[in-house]
């Protein structure tokens, strides 16, 4: 199953994997807004969220006054993002695009965001460099790139098998992630099971996707090859974010 098919299937219930998706929109928007203002100074910025999903970060950033364009490879996710932006009262332009090729996205941006472990869907190592180069081309001189991925340096040591938890809801639901690692390598399949309570009892939905565990050194190397500078890794937990954050700057003058 391709990444686009995975997110098409997950789009309508993506919020269910969060304890509180609307609170996550606010929290993540606040953290990203602080990073942007610390790097580029105060002011309203032009932001491209090139893995926007159902709008988690795009909507949160728009709530802080930024002018946001959201793109994603999943048609289902983009359709849901449009609905959610309308519901939140935010004016965001959404379009289909693969973040390995952003040339069809008009203009350049002060900030490019790629969050929620999107890049590790690229199972070919060369595609990571292609993606970083594409994102860099969409940045103004001195612009800021922000990426979030899972802590794969730790995961490659621990090789976790399962993650599971009961979310009180409503609706009450149990979300379980089964990690199936390919031998000793970085490739793994993630099976997501969402068991939700309803008036008739409980329903089970299943989603499956593939990842390549991407280390910090690998992502940093791809960023350097793309010409980015000031590479920085941040502890997401300390910042109130759910994943480690990587930032880098485009060469040239400050944005």
Protein backbone atom coordinates (compact mmCIF):
# COMPACT_ATOMS: atom_id res chain seq x y z
CA UNK A 1 0.00 0.00 0.00
CA UNK A 2 1.34 3.43 -0.96
CA UNK A 3 1.55 6.33 1.50
CA UNK A 4 -1.23 8.13 -0.38
CA UNK A 5 -3.53 5.10 -0.10
CA UNK A 6 -2.69 4.76 3.61
CA UNK A 7 -3.63 8.37 4.36
CA UNK A 8 -6.68 8.24 2.08
CA UNK A 9 -7.96 5.38 4.22
CA UNK A 10 -7.05 7.05 7.51
CA UNK A 11 -8.29 10.58 6.71
CA UNK A 12 -11.80 10.34 8.15
CA UNK A 13 -10.63 8.90 11.47
CA UNK A 14 -7.15 10.40 11.79
CA UNK A 15 -8.29 12.49 14.76
CA UNK A 16 -9.12 9.29 16.67
CA UNK A 17 -5.45 8.40 17.14
CA UNK A 18 -5.04 11.55 19.28
CA UNK A 19 -6.11 11.94 22.88
CA UNK A 20 -7.59 15.32 21.83
CA UNK A 21 -6.93 16.34 18.23
CA UNK A 22 -8.23 19.91 18.58
CA UNK A 23 -5.97 20.47 21.59
CA UNK A 24 -3.07 19.07 19.53
CA UNK A 25 -3.80 21.58 16.77
CA UNK A 26 -3.52 24.44 19.27
CA UNK A 27 -0.46 23.05 21.06
CA UNK A 28 1.52 22.22 17.93
CA UNK A 29 0.64 25.54 16.34
CA UNK A 30 1.91 27.35 19.41
CA UNK A 31 5.22 25.43 19.48
CA UNK A 32 5.85 25.93 15.76
CA UNK A 33 4.92 29.62 15.96
CA UNK A 34 7.47 30.10 18.75
CA UNK A 35 10.18 28.38 16.66
CA UNK A 36 9.40 30.55 13.66
CA UNK A 37 9.43 33.79 15.66
CA UNK A 38 12.67 32.87 17.41
CA UNK A 39 14.36 32.11 14.09
CA UNK A 40 12.90 34.85 11.88
CA UNK A 41 11.63 37.49 14.30
CA UNK A 42 8.08 38.72 14.89
CA UNK A 43 5.57 39.05 12.11
CA UNK A 44 3.19 37.13 9.90
CA UNK A 45 5.06 34.60 7.75
CA UNK A 46 4.29 32.80 4.51
CA UNK A 47 4.37 29.09 5.37
CA UNK A 48 4.24 25.96 3.22
CA UNK A 49 3.14 22.84 5.09
CA UNK A 50 4.15 20.25 2.51
CA UNK A 51 2.84 17.22 4.46
CA UNK A 52 -0.30 18.84 5.78
CA UNK A 53 -2.40 15.71 6.34
CA UNK A 54 -5.80 16.72 7.71
CA UNK A 55 -4.43 20.14 8.70
CA UNK A 56 -3.01 19.65 12.19
CA UNK A 57 -0.04 22.00 11.84
CA UNK A 58 -1.42 24.16 9.00
CA UNK A 59 -4.50 25.13 11.00
CA UNK A 60 -2.49 25.69 14.18
CA UNK A 61 -0.09 28.04 12.36
CA UNK A 62 -2.95 29.91 10.68
CA UNK A 63 -4.47 30.48 14.12
CA UNK A 64 -1.28 32.38 14.98
CA UNK A 65 -1.68 34.67 12.02
CA UNK A 66 0.60 33.01 9.49
CA UNK A 67 -0.41 32.81 5.83
CA UNK A 68 -0.39 29.07 5.13
CA UNK A 69 -0.43 26.88 2.04
CA UNK A 70 -0.94 23.17 2.72
CA UNK A 71 -0.06 20.33 0.34
CA UNK A 72 -0.20 16.58 0.69
CA UNK A 73 0.07 13.46 -1.47
CA UNK A 74 -3.27 12.15 -0.16
CA UNK A 75 -6.44 13.40 -1.84
CA UNK A 76 -8.52 12.20 1.10
CA UNK A 77 -6.36 14.05 3.63
CA UNK A 78 -6.47 17.28 1.61
CA UNK A 79 -10.27 17.09 1.35
CA UNK A 80 -10.55 16.61 5.12
CA UNK A 81 -8.04 19.44 5.74
CA UNK A 82 -10.22 21.82 3.72
CA UNK A 83 -13.27 20.86 5.78
CA UNK A 84 -11.40 21.26 9.06
CA UNK A 85 -9.95 24.65 8.08
CA UNK A 86 -13.47 25.86 7.30
CA UNK A 87 -14.72 24.52 10.63
CA UNK A 88 -11.89 26.32 12.47
CA UNK A 89 -12.57 29.51 10.49
CA UNK A 90 -9.11 29.59 8.87
CA UNK A 91 -8.39 30.64 5.28
CA UNK A 92 -5.80 28.15 3.99
CA UNK A 93 -5.02 27.14 0.42
CA UNK A 94 -4.73 23.36 0.04
CA UNK A 95 -3.52 21.35 -2.96
CA UNK A 96 -2.24 17.92 -3.92
CA UNK A 97 1.56 17.62 -4.18
CA UNK A 98 4.31 15.11 -3.47
CA UNK A 99 6.97 16.78 -1.32
CA UNK A 100 9.65 15.23 -3.52
CA UNK A 101 8.46 17.58 -6.29
CA UNK A 102 7.08 20.94 -5.17
CA UNK A 103 7.82 22.88 -8.35
CA UNK A 104 4.11 23.16 -9.17
CA UNK A 105 3.49 24.98 -5.85
CA UNK A 106 3.59 28.67 -6.68
CA UNK A 107 5.98 31.10 -5.03
CA UNK A 108 8.62 30.81 -2.35
CA UNK A 109 8.11 30.78 1.40
CA UNK A 110 9.58 32.09 4.63
CA UNK A 111 9.01 28.68 6.24
CA UNK A 112 8.56 25.12 4.98
CA UNK A 113 7.09 22.62 7.47
CA UNK A 114 7.09 18.82 7.15
CA UNK A 115 5.82 17.15 10.33
CA UNK A 116 4.26 13.97 11.72
CA UNK A 117 6.94 11.55 10.53
CA UNK A 118 6.18 12.06 6.86
CA UNK A 119 9.70 11.81 5.41
CA UNK A 120 10.34 8.24 6.72
CA UNK A 121 7.63 7.04 4.32
CA UNK A 122 10.36 7.46 1.68
CA UNK A 123 11.80 3.97 1.72
CA UNK A 124 14.46 4.80 -0.88
CA UNK A 125 17.39 6.65 0.71
CA UNK A 126 17.90 8.73 -2.42
CA UNK A 127 14.35 10.04 -2.23
CA UNK A 128 15.12 11.68 1.11
CA UNK A 129 17.77 13.85 -0.57
CA UNK A 130 15.34 14.59 -3.41
CA UNK A 131 12.71 15.72 -0.89
CA UNK A 132 15.09 17.95 1.07
CA UNK A 133 16.27 19.56 -2.15
CA UNK A 134 12.66 20.19 -3.23
CA UNK A 135 11.83 21.82 0.12
CA UNK A 136 14.96 23.96 -0.02
CA UNK A 137 13.98 25.29 -3.46
CA UNK A 138 10.71 26.57 -1.97
CA UNK A 139 12.49 28.61 0.73
CA UNK A 140 13.41 32.26 0.47
CA UNK A 141 17.08 33.05 1.17
CA UNK A 142 17.53 32.58 4.91
CA UNK A 143 14.17 30.82 5.19
CA UNK A 144 13.44 28.19 7.82
CA UNK A 145 12.80 24.46 7.38
CA UNK A 146 11.05 22.60 10.22
CA UNK A 147 10.77 18.79 10.19
CA UNK A 148 9.48 16.39 12.83
CA UNK A 149 10.16 12.65 12.82
CA UNK A 150 10.09 9.83 15.36
CA UNK A 151 13.23 9.23 17.42
CA UNK A 152 14.56 6.49 15.17
CA UNK A 153 18.02 6.54 16.73
CA UNK A 154 16.38 5.15 19.85
CA UNK A 155 13.90 2.97 17.97
CA UNK A 156 16.68 1.19 16.06
CA UNK A 157 18.17 0.20 19.41
CA UNK A 158 14.92 -0.72 21.18
CA UNK A 159 13.02 -1.98 18.10
CA UNK A 160 9.62 -1.56 19.82
CA UNK A 161 7.01 -4.17 18.95
CA UNK A 162 3.77 -2.52 20.10
CA UNK A 163 2.29 0.70 21.41
CA UNK A 164 -1.24 0.72 22.79
CA UNK A 165 -3.51 2.88 24.87
CA UNK A 166 -7.14 3.49 25.87
CA UNK A 167 -8.45 6.95 24.96
CA UNK A 168 -11.45 7.88 27.13
CA UNK A 169 -13.23 9.77 24.35
CA UNK A 170 -15.99 10.16 23.49
CA UNK A 171 -15.98 7.87 21.71
CA UNK A 172 -13.96 5.51 23.87
CA UNK A 173 -11.33 3.84 21.74
CA UNK A 174 -8.25 1.68 21.90
CA UNK A 175 -5.43 2.57 19.51
CA UNK A 176 -2.72 -0.04 18.98
CA UNK A 177 0.35 0.21 16.75
CA UNK A 178 2.14 -3.00 15.83
CA UNK A 179 5.70 -2.49 14.57
CA UNK A 180 6.98 -5.34 12.39
CA UNK A 181 10.69 -4.89 11.73
CA UNK A 182 12.43 -6.42 8.71
CA UNK A 183 15.26 -8.49 10.25
CA UNK A 184 17.98 -6.11 11.51
CA UNK A 185 17.43 -3.33 8.97
CA UNK A 186 15.62 0.00 9.13
CA UNK A 187 12.54 -1.06 7.16
CA UNK A 188 9.39 -1.84 9.10
CA UNK A 189 5.64 -2.15 8.64
CA UNK A 190 3.31 -0.36 11.05
CA UNK A 191 -0.16 -1.83 11.56
CA UNK A 192 -2.61 0.57 13.23
CA UNK A 193 -5.74 -0.84 14.87
CA UNK A 194 -8.46 1.56 16.03
CA UNK A 195 -11.20 -0.06 18.12
CA UNK A 196 -14.02 2.45 18.72
CA UNK A 197 -17.13 2.23 20.89
CA UNK A 198 -20.52 3.05 19.37
CA UNK A 199 -24.19 2.48 20.13
CA UNK A 200 -24.06 -1.06 18.71
CA UNK A 201 -20.85 -2.06 20.51
CA UNK A 202 -17.31 -1.80 19.18
CA UNK A 203 -15.91 -1.50 15.66
CA UNK A 204 -12.39 -2.25 14.43
CA UNK A 205 -10.58 -0.34 11.70
CA UNK A 206 -7.16 -1.37 10.44
CA UNK A 207 -4.53 0.65 8.55
CA UNK A 208 -1.11 -0.43 7.30
CA UNK A 209 1.94 1.45 6.05
CA UNK A 210 5.70 1.13 5.57
CA UNK A 211 8.50 3.24 7.02
CA UNK A 212 12.26 3.42 6.81
CA UNK A 213 13.80 4.32 10.17
CA UNK A 214 15.59 7.58 9.37
CA UNK A 215 18.41 8.53 11.74
CA UNK A 216 19.36 12.06 12.67
CA UNK A 217 22.66 11.68 10.85
CA UNK A 218 20.88 10.61 7.65
CA UNK A 219 18.40 13.50 7.70
CA UNK A 220 21.13 15.99 8.59
CA UNK A 221 23.27 14.68 5.75
CA UNK A 222 20.43 15.11 3.25
CA UNK A 223 19.90 18.66 4.51
CA UNK A 224 23.58 19.49 4.08
CA UNK A 225 23.56 18.11 0.54
CA UNK A 226 20.58 20.34 -0.20
CA UNK A 227 22.67 23.35 0.86
CA UNK A 228 20.88 24.03 4.14
CA UNK A 229 22.82 25.47 7.09
CA UNK A 230 22.44 26.00 10.86
CA UNK A 231 21.18 22.43 11.34
CA UNK A 232 19.62 21.99 14.79
CA UNK A 233 17.90 19.11 16.59
CA UNK A 234 15.44 20.02 19.34
CA UNK A 235 13.91 17.90 22.08
CA UNK A 236 10.23 17.84 21.21
CA UNK A 237 9.18 16.67 24.66
CA UNK A 238 10.81 19.70 26.30
CA UNK A 239 9.04 22.01 23.85
CA UNK A 240 5.65 20.35 24.27
CA UNK A 241 5.79 18.68 20.84
CA UNK A 242 5.15 14.99 20.23
CA UNK A 243 8.30 14.26 18.19
CA UNK A 244 11.90 15.50 17.92
CA UNK A 245 12.16 18.62 15.76
CA UNK A 246 14.83 19.38 13.16
CA UNK A 247 15.38 22.92 11.90
CA UNK A 248 17.67 24.32 9.22
CA UNK A 249 18.08 27.55 7.29
CA UNK A 250 18.30 28.20 3.56
CA UNK A 251 21.51 29.89 2.42
CA UNK A 252 21.47 33.62 1.85
CA UNK A 253 20.17 36.64 3.65
CA UNK A 254 17.77 36.42 6.58
CA UNK A 255 14.10 36.08 5.63
